[in-house]
Amino acid sequence: VTIALGATGASTNRLNIGASGLAPGDTIQRSVDLLNSGSLDLASVT
C-alpha cells in the first residue's frame, strides 16, 4: 500500500508554495497529483 504526491517543484505538486499579503476575498490555488503507486487497491483515502 503506497500513496504518494507528485514531484515537488512542478505542476504535479505546488503544495510547498506559500502565499502572502492575503486580503478578504483572495484565493490561493495549488495543484497536486495523488498517486497510488502500490500493488494493492485501496478501500479509502483520507
PDB file of all heavy atoms in Angstrom:
ATOM      1  N   VAL A   1       0.875  -1.173   0.000  1.00  0.00           N
ATOM      2  CA  VAL A   1       0.000   0.000   0.000  1.00  0.00           C
ATOM      3  C   VAL A   1       0.912   1.223   0.000  1.00  0.00           C
ATOM      4  O   VAL A   1       1.637   1.470   0.967  1.00  0.00           O
ATOM      5  CB  VAL A   1      -0.914   0.022   1.235  1.00  0.00           C
ATOM      6  CG1 VAL A   1      -1.654   1.348   1.343  1.00  0.00           C
ATOM      7  CG2 VAL A   1      -1.908  -1.133   1.166  1.00  0.00           C
ATOM      8  N   THR A   2       0.894   1.971  -1.098  1.00  0.00           N
ATOM      9  CA  THR A   2       1.768   3.138  -1.232  1.00  0.00           C
ATOM     10  C   THR A   2       1.019   4.248  -1.948  1.00  0.00           C
ATOM     11  O   THR A   2       0.608   4.072  -3.102  1.00  0.00           O
ATOM     12  CB  THR A   2       3.041   2.807  -2.037  1.00  0.00           C
ATOM     13  OG1 THR A   2       3.695   1.671  -1.463  1.00  0.00           O
ATOM     14  CG2 THR A   2       3.997   3.996  -2.031  1.00  0.00           C
ATOM     15  N   ILE A   3       0.810   5.366  -1.255  1.00  0.00           N
ATOM     16  CA  ILE A   3       0.291   6.545  -1.935  1.00  0.00           C
ATOM     17  C   ILE A   3       1.364   7.620  -1.869  1.00  0.00           C
ATOM     18  O   ILE A   3       2.154   7.686  -0.929  1.00  0.00           O
ATOM     19  CB  ILE A   3      -1.034   7.046  -1.341  1.00  0.00           C
ATOM     20  CG1 ILE A   3      -0.882   7.402   0.138  1.00  0.00           C
ATOM     21  CG2 ILE A   3      -2.126   6.018  -1.533  1.00  0.00           C
ATOM     22  CD1 ILE A   3      -2.114   8.072   0.701  1.00  0.00           C
ATOM     23  N   ALA A   4       1.395   8.449  -2.888  1.00  0.00           N
ATOM     24  CA  ALA A   4       2.452   9.453  -2.987  1.00  0.00           C
ATOM     25  C   ALA A   4       1.906  10.694  -3.667  1.00  0.00           C
ATOM     26  O   ALA A   4       0.873  10.662  -4.344  1.00  0.00           O
ATOM     27  CB  ALA A   4       3.637   8.895  -3.775  1.00  0.00           C
ATOM     28  N   LEU A   5       2.615  11.804  -3.464  1.00  0.00           N
ATOM     29  CA  LEU A   5       2.305  13.044  -4.155  1.00  0.00           C
ATOM     30  C   LEU A   5       3.246  13.201  -5.347  1.00  0.00           C
ATOM     31  O   LEU A   5       4.333  12.607  -5.376  1.00  0.00           O
ATOM     32  CB  LEU A   5       2.437  14.228  -3.210  1.00  0.00           C
ATOM     33  CG  LEU A   5       1.548  14.188  -1.963  1.00  0.00           C
ATOM     34  CD1 LEU A   5       1.776  15.432  -1.101  1.00  0.00           C
ATOM     35  CD2 LEU A   5       0.076  14.066  -2.336  1.00  0.00           C
ATOM     36  N   GLY A   6       2.841  14.005  -6.309  1.00  0.00           N
ATOM     37  CA  GLY A   6       3.675  14.235  -7.478  1.00  0.00           C
ATOM     38  C   GLY A   6       4.974  14.934  -7.117  1.00  0.00           C
ATOM     39  O   GLY A   6       5.182  15.400  -5.988  1.00  0.00           O
ATOM     40  N   ALA A   7       5.854  15.005  -8.085  1.00  0.00           N
ATOM     41  CA  ALA A   7       7.170  15.599  -7.871  1.00  0.00           C
ATOM     42  C   ALA A   7       7.048  17.071  -7.474  1.00  0.00           C
ATOM     43  O   ALA A   7       6.376  17.857  -8.147  1.00  0.00           O
ATOM     44  CB  ALA A   7       8.017  15.458  -9.129  1.00  0.00           C
ATOM     45  N   THR A   8       7.698  17.428  -6.376  1.00  0.00           N
ATOM     46  CA  THR A   8       7.683  18.808  -5.898  1.00  0.00           C
ATOM     47  C   THR A   8       8.473  19.698  -6.853  1.00  0.00           C
ATOM     48  O   THR A   8       9.498  19.300  -7.395  1.00  0.00           O
ATOM     49  CB  THR A   8       8.300  18.886  -4.490  1.00  0.00           C
ATOM     50  OG1 THR A   8       7.559  18.027  -3.616  1.00  0.00           O
ATOM     51  CG2 THR A   8       8.260  20.303  -3.938  1.00  0.00           C
ATOM     52  N   GLY A   9       7.976  20.925  -7.035  1.00  0.00           N
ATOM     53  CA  GLY A   9       8.665  21.867  -7.894  1.00  0.00           C
ATOM     54  C   GLY A   9       8.113  21.925  -9.291  1.00  0.00           C
ATOM     55  O   GLY A   9       8.625  22.668 -10.136  1.00  0.00           O
ATOM     56  N   ALA A  10       7.084  21.124  -9.569  1.00  0.00           N
ATOM     57  CA  ALA A  10       6.415  21.140 -10.871  1.00  0.00           C
ATOM     58  C   ALA A  10       4.920  21.244 -10.628  1.00  0.00           C
ATOM     59  O   ALA A  10       4.458  21.235  -9.487  1.00  0.00           O
ATOM     60  CB  ALA A  10       6.761  19.886 -11.662  1.00  0.00           C
ATOM     61  N   SER A  11       4.144  21.304 -11.701  1.00  0.00           N
ATOM     62  CA  SER A  11       2.692  21.410 -11.547  1.00  0.00           C
ATOM     63  C   SER A  11       2.088  20.165 -10.907  1.00  0.00           C
ATOM     64  O   SER A  11       0.927  20.166 -10.512  1.00  0.00           O
ATOM     65  CB  SER A  11       2.041  21.659 -12.912  1.00  0.00           C
ATOM     66  OG  SER A  11       2.331  20.595 -13.797  1.00  0.00           O
ATOM     67  N   THR A  12       2.889  19.105 -10.793  1.00  0.00           N
ATOM     68  CA  THR A  12       2.422  17.886 -10.134  1.00  0.00           C
ATOM     69  C   THR A  12       2.384  18.022  -8.613  1.00  0.00           C
ATOM     70  O   THR A  12       1.794  17.179  -7.937  1.00  0.00           O
ATOM     71  CB  THR A  12       3.331  16.705 -10.501  1.00  0.00           C
ATOM     72  OG1 THR A  12       4.690  17.070 -10.247  1.00  0.00           O
ATOM     73  CG2 THR A  12       3.169  16.338 -11.969  1.00  0.00           C
ATOM     74  N   ASN A  13       3.007  19.076  -8.072  1.00  0.00           N
ATOM     75  CA  ASN A  13       2.949  19.314  -6.620  1.00  0.00           C
ATOM     76  C   ASN A  13       3.406  20.738  -6.300  1.00  0.00           C
ATOM     77  O   ASN A  13       4.600  21.005  -6.190  1.00  0.00           O
ATOM     78  CB  ASN A  13       3.823  18.310  -5.860  1.00  0.00           C
ATOM     79  CG  ASN A  13       3.651  18.425  -4.347  1.00  0.00           C
ATOM     80  OD1 ASN A  13       2.951  19.301  -3.856  1.00  0.00           O
ATOM     81  ND2 ASN A  13       4.301  17.538  -3.615  1.00  0.00           N
ATOM     82  N   ARG A  14       2.433  21.627  -6.124  1.00  0.00           N
ATOM     83  CA  ARG A  14       2.713  23.016  -5.755  1.00  0.00           C
ATOM     84  C   ARG A  14       2.348  23.309  -4.305  1.00  0.00           C
ATOM     85  O   ARG A  14       2.321  24.477  -3.896  1.00  0.00           O
ATOM     86  CB  ARG A  14       1.932  23.965  -6.671  1.00  0.00           C
ATOM     87  CG  ARG A  14       2.302  23.904  -8.146  1.00  0.00           C
ATOM     88  CD  ARG A  14       3.689  24.412  -8.407  1.00  0.00           C
ATOM     89  NE  ARG A  14       3.936  24.585  -9.838  1.00  0.00           N
ATOM     90  CZ  ARG A  14       5.129  24.849 -10.341  1.00  0.00           C
ATOM     91  NH1 ARG A  14       6.195  24.966  -9.546  1.00  0.00           N
ATOM     92  NH2 ARG A  14       5.274  25.011 -11.654  1.00  0.00           N
ATOM     93  N   LEU A  15       2.076  22.261  -3.507  1.00  0.00           N
ATOM     94  CA  LEU A  15       1.644  22.497  -2.139  1.00  0.00           C
ATOM     95  C   LEU A  15       2.727  23.118  -1.262  1.00  0.00           C
ATOM     96  O   LEU A  15       2.443  23.587  -0.165  1.00  0.00           O
ATOM     97  CB  LEU A  15       1.158  21.179  -1.498  1.00  0.00           C
ATOM     98  CG  LEU A  15      -0.174  20.627  -2.012  1.00  0.00           C
ATOM     99  CD1 LEU A  15      -0.501  19.319  -1.309  1.00  0.00           C
ATOM    100  CD2 LEU A  15      -1.289  21.641  -1.812  1.00  0.00           C
ATOM    101  N   ASN A  16       3.954  23.114  -1.726  1.00  0.00           N
ATOM    102  CA  ASN A  16       5.031  23.723  -0.938  1.00  0.00           C
ATOM    103  C   ASN A  16       5.174  25.220  -1.213  1.00  0.00           C
ATOM    104  O   ASN A  16       6.029  25.882  -0.617  1.00  0.00           O
ATOM    105  CB  ASN A  16       6.360  23.020  -1.222  1.00  0.00           C
ATOM    106  CG  ASN A  16       6.829  23.231  -2.646  1.00  0.00           C
ATOM    107  OD1 ASN A  16       6.027  23.173  -3.585  1.00  0.00           O
ATOM    108  ND2 ASN A  16       8.121  23.462  -2.827  1.00  0.00           N
ATOM    109  N   ILE A  17       4.370  25.770  -2.098  1.00  0.00           N
ATOM    110  CA  ILE A  17       4.452  27.190  -2.448  1.00  0.00           C
ATOM    111  C   ILE A  17       3.501  27.989  -1.568  1.00  0.00           C
ATOM    112  O   ILE A  17       2.283  27.766  -1.592  1.00  0.00           O
ATOM    113  CB  ILE A  17       4.105  27.426  -3.936  1.00  0.00           C
ATOM    114  CG1 ILE A  17       4.985  26.555  -4.839  1.00  0.00           C
ATOM    115  CG2 ILE A  17       4.242  28.898  -4.282  1.00  0.00           C
ATOM    116  CD1 ILE A  17       6.456  26.860  -4.742  1.00  0.00           C
ATOM    117  N   GLY A  18       4.043  28.900  -0.779  1.00  0.00           N
ATOM    118  CA  GLY A  18       3.235  29.715   0.123  1.00  0.00           C
ATOM    119  C   GLY A  18       2.613  30.914  -0.582  1.00  0.00           C
ATOM    120  O   GLY A  18       2.776  31.113  -1.787  1.00  0.00           O
ATOM    121  N   ALA A  19       1.895  31.698   0.205  1.00  0.00           N
ATOM    122  CA  ALA A  19       1.270  32.931  -0.310  1.00  0.00           C
ATOM    123  C   ALA A  19       1.270  33.949   0.820  1.00  0.00           C
ATOM    124  O   ALA A  19       1.144  33.592   1.994  1.00  0.00           O
ATOM    125  CB  ALA A  19      -0.145  32.658  -0.794  1.00  0.00           C
ATOM    126  N   SER A  20       1.428  35.199   0.467  1.00  0.00           N
ATOM    127  CA  SER A  20       1.460  36.257   1.476  1.00  0.00           C
ATOM    128  C   SER A  20       0.604  37.435   1.019  1.00  0.00           C
ATOM    129  O   SER A  20       0.208  37.519  -0.152  1.00  0.00           O
ATOM    130  CB  SER A  20       2.905  36.718   1.742  1.00  0.00           C
ATOM    131  OG  SER A  20       3.494  37.225   0.542  1.00  0.00           O
ATOM    132  N   GLY A  21       0.338  38.362   1.950  1.00  0.00           N
ATOM    133  CA  GLY A  21      -0.416  39.568   1.627  1.00  0.00           C
ATOM    134  C   GLY A  21      -1.872  39.300   1.283  1.00  0.00           C
ATOM    135  O   GLY A  21      -2.460  40.007   0.456  1.00  0.00           O
ATOM    136  N   LEU A  22      -2.471  38.274   1.899  1.00  0.00           N
ATOM    137  CA  LEU A  22      -3.868  37.961   1.607  1.00  0.00           C
ATOM    138  C   LEU A  22      -4.792  39.071   2.103  1.00  0.00           C
ATOM    139  O   LEU A  22      -4.581  39.653   3.175  1.00  0.00           O
ATOM    140  CB  LEU A  22      -4.280  36.651   2.279  1.00  0.00           C
ATOM    141  CG  LEU A  22      -3.715  35.344   1.713  1.00  0.00           C
ATOM    142  CD1 LEU A  22      -4.259  34.167   2.505  1.00  0.00           C
ATOM    143  CD2 LEU A  22      -4.028  35.209   0.242  1.00  0.00           C
ATOM    144  N   ALA A  23      -5.827  39.347   1.331  1.00  0.00           N
ATOM    145  CA  ALA A  23      -6.906  40.261   1.719  1.00  0.00           C
ATOM    146  C   ALA A  23      -8.216  39.491   1.640  1.00  0.00           C
ATOM    147  O   ALA A  23      -8.304  38.462   0.946  1.00  0.00           O
ATOM    148  CB  ALA A  23      -6.949  41.477   0.790  1.00  0.00           C
ATOM    149  N   PRO A  24      -9.243  39.914   2.368  1.00  0.00           N
ATOM    150  CA  PRO A  24     -10.529  39.224   2.300  1.00  0.00           C
ATOM    151  C   PRO A  24     -11.002  39.066   0.861  1.00  0.00           C
ATOM    152  O   PRO A  24     -10.948  40.005   0.062  1.00  0.00           O
ATOM    153  CB  PRO A  24     -11.463  40.141   3.102  1.00  0.00           C
ATOM    154  CG  PRO A  24     -10.552  40.799   4.107  1.00  0.00           C
ATOM    155  CD  PRO A  24      -9.269  41.021   3.359  1.00  0.00           C
ATOM    156  N   GLY A  25     -11.419  37.855   0.516  1.00  0.00           N
ATOM    157  CA  GLY A  25     -11.878  37.531  -0.839  1.00  0.00           C
ATOM    158  C   GLY A  25     -10.812  36.918  -1.722  1.00  0.00           C
ATOM    159  O   GLY A  25     -11.130  36.381  -2.791  1.00  0.00           O
ATOM    160  N   ASP A  26      -9.528  36.970  -1.324  1.00  0.00           N
ATOM    161  CA  ASP A  26      -8.447  36.380  -2.129  1.00  0.00           C
ATOM    162  C   ASP A  26      -8.510  34.855  -2.106  1.00  0.00           C
ATOM    163  O   ASP A  26      -8.973  34.238  -1.133  1.00  0.00           O
ATOM    164  CB  ASP A  26      -7.077  36.823  -1.610  1.00  0.00           C
ATOM    165  CG  ASP A  26      -6.743  38.251  -1.983  1.00  0.00           C
ATOM    166  OD1 ASP A  26      -7.491  38.856  -2.777  1.00  0.00           O
ATOM    167  OD2 ASP A  26      -5.725  38.778  -1.468  1.00  0.00           O
ATOM    168  N   THR A  27      -7.985  34.248  -3.166  1.00  0.00           N
ATOM    169  CA  THR A  27      -7.905  32.791  -3.253  1.00  0.00           C
ATOM    170  C   THR A  27      -6.476  32.360  -3.545  1.00  0.00           C
ATOM    171  O   THR A  27      -5.688  33.111  -4.136  1.00  0.00           O
ATOM    172  CB  THR A  27      -8.831  32.231  -4.356  1.00  0.00           C
ATOM    173  OG1 THR A  27      -8.436  32.778  -5.610  1.00  0.00           O
ATOM    174  CG2 THR A  27     -10.286  32.570  -4.067  1.00  0.00           C
ATOM    175  N   ILE A  28      -6.148  31.157  -3.133  1.00  0.00           N
ATOM    176  CA  ILE A  28      -4.848  30.526  -3.399  1.00  0.00           C
ATOM    177  C   ILE A  28      -5.140  29.190  -4.074  1.00  0.00           C
ATOM    178  O   ILE A  28      -5.837  28.346  -3.496  1.00  0.00           O
ATOM    179  CB  ILE A  28      -4.063  30.277  -2.098  1.00  0.00           C
ATOM    180  CG1 ILE A  28      -3.922  31.549  -1.278  1.00  0.00           C
ATOM    181  CG2 ILE A  28      -2.705  29.655  -2.390  1.00  0.00           C
ATOM    182  CD1 ILE A  28      -3.486  31.285   0.156  1.00  0.00           C
ATOM    183  N   GLN A  29      -4.613  28.970  -5.268  1.00  0.00           N
ATOM    184  CA  GLN A  29      -4.786  27.698  -5.963  1.00  0.00           C
ATOM    185  C   GLN A  29      -3.444  26.979  -6.073  1.00  0.00           C
ATOM    186  O   GLN A  29      -2.432  27.575  -6.438  1.00  0.00           O
ATOM    187  CB  GLN A  29      -5.369  27.907  -7.367  1.00  0.00           C
ATOM    188  CG  GLN A  29      -6.804  28.407  -7.384  1.00  0.00           C
ATOM    189  CD  GLN A  29      -7.402  28.444  -8.784  1.00  0.00           C
ATOM    190  OE1 GLN A  29      -6.695  28.261  -9.788  1.00  0.00           O
ATOM    191  NE2 GLN A  29      -8.700  28.653  -8.871  1.00  0.00           N
ATOM    192  N   ARG A  30      -3.468  25.688  -5.733  1.00  0.00           N
ATOM    193  CA  ARG A  30      -2.263  24.861  -5.838  1.00  0.00           C
ATOM    194  C   ARG A  30      -2.659  23.501  -6.406  1.00  0.00           C
ATOM    195  O   ARG A  30      -3.620  22.875  -5.954  1.00  0.00           O
ATOM    196  CB  ARG A  30      -1.586  24.668  -4.469  1.00  0.00           C
ATOM    197  CG  ARG A  30      -1.129  25.965  -3.810  1.00  0.00           C
ATOM    198  CD  ARG A  30       0.036  26.590  -4.544  1.00  0.00           C
ATOM    199  NE  ARG A  30       0.549  27.786  -3.881  1.00  0.00           N
ATOM    200  CZ  ARG A  30       0.186  29.034  -4.184  1.00  0.00           C
ATOM    201  NH1 ARG A  30      -0.710  29.250  -5.163  1.00  0.00           N
ATOM    202  NH2 ARG A  30       0.702  30.057  -3.537  1.00  0.00           N
ATOM    203  N   SER A  31      -1.898  23.043  -7.378  1.00  0.00           N
ATOM    204  CA  SER A  31      -2.157  21.717  -7.962  1.00  0.00           C
ATOM    205  C   SER A  31      -1.287  20.663  -7.288  1.00  0.00           C
ATOM    206  O   SER A  31      -0.185  20.941  -6.808  1.00  0.00           O
ATOM    207  CB  SER A  31      -1.868  21.728  -9.467  1.00  0.00           C
ATOM    208  OG  SER A  31      -0.497  22.017  -9.707  1.00  0.00           O
ATOM    209  N   VAL A  32      -1.792  19.441  -7.260  1.00  0.00           N
ATOM    210  CA  VAL A  32      -1.019  18.319  -6.715  1.00  0.00           C
ATOM    211  C   VAL A  32      -1.580  17.023  -7.277  1.00  0.00           C
ATOM    212  O   VAL A  32      -2.802  16.865  -7.400  1.00  0.00           O
ATOM    213  CB  VAL A  32      -1.050  18.299  -5.168  1.00  0.00           C
ATOM    214  CG1 VAL A  32      -2.476  18.111  -4.642  1.00  0.00           C
ATOM    215  CG2 VAL A  32      -0.129  17.219  -4.617  1.00  0.00           C
ATOM    216  N   ASP A  33      -0.692  16.120  -7.669  1.00  0.00           N
ATOM    217  CA  ASP A  33      -1.105  14.784  -8.115  1.00  0.00           C
ATOM    218  C   ASP A  33      -1.062  13.823  -6.941  1.00  0.00           C
ATOM    219  O   ASP A  33      -0.110  13.825  -6.142  1.00  0.00           O
ATOM    220  CB  ASP A  33      -0.187  14.262  -9.213  1.00  0.00           C
ATOM    221  CG  ASP A  33      -0.457  14.905 -10.566  1.00  0.00           C
ATOM    222  OD1 ASP A  33      -1.425  15.692 -10.669  1.00  0.00           O
ATOM    223  OD2 ASP A  33       0.310  14.626 -11.509  1.00  0.00           O
ATOM    224  N   LEU A  34      -2.087  13.001  -6.827  1.00  0.00           N
ATOM    225  CA  LEU A  34      -2.141  11.946  -5.815  1.00  0.00           C
ATOM    226  C   LEU A  34      -2.065  10.609  -6.537  1.00  0.00           C
ATOM    227  O   LEU A  34      -2.921  10.302  -7.377  1.00  0.00           O
ATOM    228  CB  LEU A  34      -3.427  12.044  -4.995  1.00  0.00           C
ATOM    229  CG  LEU A  34      -3.621  10.993  -3.895  1.00  0.00           C
ATOM    230  CD1 LEU A  34      -2.564  11.149  -2.807  1.00  0.00           C
ATOM    231  CD2 LEU A  34      -5.020  11.100  -3.291  1.00  0.00           C
ATOM    232  N   LEU A  35      -1.033   9.808  -6.222  1.00  0.00           N
ATOM    233  CA  LEU A  35      -0.762   8.570  -6.951  1.00  0.00           C
ATOM    234  C   LEU A  35      -0.894   7.359  -6.036  1.00  0.00           C
ATOM    235  O   LEU A  35      -0.439   7.382  -4.888  1.00  0.00           O
ATOM    236  CB  LEU A  35       0.658   8.567  -7.536  1.00  0.00           C
ATOM    237  CG  LEU A  35       1.110   9.695  -8.453  1.00  0.00           C
ATOM    238  CD1 LEU A  35       1.581  10.912  -7.660  1.00  0.00           C
ATOM    239  CD2 LEU A  35       2.250   9.205  -9.341  1.00  0.00           C
ATOM    240  N   ASN A  36      -1.505   6.312  -6.560  1.00  0.00           N
ATOM    241  CA  ASN A  36      -1.464   5.006  -5.905  1.00  0.00           C
ATOM    242  C   ASN A  36      -0.376   4.202  -6.593  1.00  0.00           C
ATOM    243  O   ASN A  36      -0.593   3.594  -7.634  1.00  0.00           O
ATOM    244  CB  ASN A  36      -2.816   4.298  -6.019  1.00  0.00           C
ATOM    245  CG  ASN A  36      -2.817   2.937  -5.322  1.00  0.00           C
ATOM    246  OD1 ASN A  36      -1.773   2.404  -4.994  1.00  0.00           O
ATOM    247  ND2 ASN A  36      -3.996   2.377  -5.123  1.00  0.00           N
ATOM    248  N   SER A  37       0.812   4.212  -6.009  1.00  0.00           N
ATOM    249  CA  SER A  37       1.953   3.530  -6.621  1.00  0.00           C
ATOM    250  C   SER A  37       2.209   2.170  -5.992  1.00  0.00           C
ATOM    251  O   SER A  37       3.240   1.541  -6.258  1.00  0.00           O
ATOM    252  CB  SER A  37       3.213   4.404  -6.514  1.00  0.00           C
ATOM    253  OG  SER A  37       3.455   4.785  -5.175  1.00  0.00           O
ATOM    254  N   GLY A  38       1.279   1.691  -5.151  1.00  0.00           N
ATOM    255  CA  GLY A  38       1.408   0.359  -4.578  1.00  0.00           C
ATOM    256  C   GLY A  38       0.798  -0.694  -5.483  1.00  0.00           C
ATOM    257  O   GLY A  38       0.245  -0.398  -6.543  1.00  0.00           O
ATOM    258  N   SER A  39       0.878  -1.945  -5.063  1.00  0.00           N
ATOM    259  CA  SER A  39       0.337  -3.051  -5.865  1.00  0.00           C
ATOM    260  C   SER A  39      -1.082  -3.424  -5.462  1.00  0.00           C
ATOM    261  O   SER A  39      -1.707  -4.263  -6.110  1.00  0.00           O
ATOM    262  CB  SER A  39       1.247  -4.285  -5.720  1.00  0.00           C
ATOM    263  OG  SER A  39       1.286  -4.721  -4.375  1.00  0.00           O
ATOM    264  N   LEU A  40      -1.606  -2.808  -4.384  1.00  0.00           N
ATOM    265  CA  LEU A  40      -2.950  -3.129  -3.908  1.00  0.00           C
ATOM    266  C   LEU A  40      -3.911  -1.974  -4.161  1.00  0.00           C
ATOM    267  O   LEU A  40      -3.531  -0.802  -4.069  1.00  0.00           O
ATOM    268  CB  LEU A  40      -2.928  -3.431  -2.402  1.00  0.00           C
ATOM    269  CG  LEU A  40      -2.148  -4.663  -1.946  1.00  0.00           C
ATOM    270  CD1 LEU A  40      -2.159  -4.756  -0.428  1.00  0.00           C
ATOM    271  CD2 LEU A  40      -2.710  -5.935  -2.565  1.00  0.00           C
ATOM    272  N   ASP A  41      -5.160  -2.309  -4.456  1.00  0.00           N
ATOM    273  CA  ASP A  41      -6.210  -1.301  -4.488  1.00  0.00           C
ATOM    274  C   ASP A  41      -6.488  -0.826  -3.059  1.00  0.00           C
ATOM    275  O   ASP A  41      -6.144  -1.502  -2.085  1.00  0.00           O
ATOM    276  CB  ASP A  41      -7.490  -1.878  -5.092  1.00  0.00           C
ATOM    277  CG  ASP A  41      -7.353  -2.165  -6.582  1.00  0.00           C
ATOM    278  OD1 ASP A  41      -6.392  -1.655  -7.192  1.00  0.00           O
ATOM    279  OD2 ASP A  41      -8.202  -2.897  -7.118  1.00  0.00           O
ATOM    280  N   LEU A  42      -7.122   0.321  -2.952  1.00  0.00           N
ATOM    281  CA  LEU A  42      -7.418   0.905  -1.647  1.00  0.00           C
ATOM    282  C   LEU A  42      -8.917   0.908  -1.389  1.00  0.00           C
ATOM    283  O   LEU A  42      -9.727   1.050  -2.307  1.00  0.00           O
ATOM    284  CB  LEU A  42      -6.884   2.336  -1.578  1.00  0.00           C
ATOM    285  CG  LEU A  42      -5.388   2.519  -1.842  1.00  0.00           C
ATOM    286  CD1 LEU A  42      -5.026   4.006  -1.799  1.00  0.00           C
ATOM    287  CD2 LEU A  42      -4.558   1.743  -0.836  1.00  0.00           C
ATOM    288  N   ALA A  43      -9.279   0.766  -0.113  1.00  0.00           N
ATOM    289  CA  ALA A  43     -10.676   0.909   0.282  1.00  0.00           C
ATOM    290  C   ALA A  43     -11.037   2.367   0.457  1.00  0.00           C
ATOM    291  O   ALA A  43     -12.167   2.777   0.188  1.00  0.00           O
ATOM    292  CB  ALA A  43     -10.943   0.148   1.578  1.00  0.00           C
ATOM    293  N   SER A  44     -10.049   3.181   0.898  1.00  0.00           N
ATOM    294  CA  SER A  44     -10.332   4.602   1.133  1.00  0.00           C
ATOM    295  C   SER A  44      -9.033   5.389   1.206  1.00  0.00           C
ATOM    296  O   SER A  44      -7.951   4.827   1.439  1.00  0.00           O
ATOM    297  CB  SER A  44     -11.107   4.793   2.441  1.00  0.00           C
ATOM    298  OG  SER A  44     -10.310   4.414   3.554  1.00  0.00           O
ATOM    299  N   VAL A  45      -9.167   6.688   0.984  1.00  0.00           N
ATOM    300  CA  VAL A  45      -8.088   7.650   1.211  1.00  0.00           C
ATOM    301  C   VAL A  45      -8.674   8.771   2.065  1.00  0.00           C
ATOM    302  O   VAL A  45      -9.773   9.256   1.793  1.00  0.00           O
ATOM    303  CB  VAL A  45      -7.540   8.225  -0.110  1.00  0.00           C
ATOM    304  CG1 VAL A  45      -6.587   9.388   0.167  1.00  0.00           C
ATOM    305  CG2 VAL A  45      -6.834   7.147  -0.913  1.00  0.00           C
ATOM    306  N   THR A  46      -7.963   9.138   3.116  1.00  0.00           N
ATOM    307  CA  THR A  46      -8.406  10.248   3.954  1.00  0.00           C
ATOM    308  C   THR A  46      -7.357  11.354   3.936  1.00  0.00           C
ATOM    309  O   THR A  46      -6.179  11.112   3.648  1.00  0.00           O
ATOM    310  CB  THR A  46      -8.647   9.807   5.409  1.00  0.00           C
ATOM    311  OG1 THR A  46      -7.429   9.280   5.961  1.00  0.00           O
ATOM    312  CG2 THR A  46      -9.741   8.753   5.487  1.00  0.00           C
TER     313      THR A  46
END
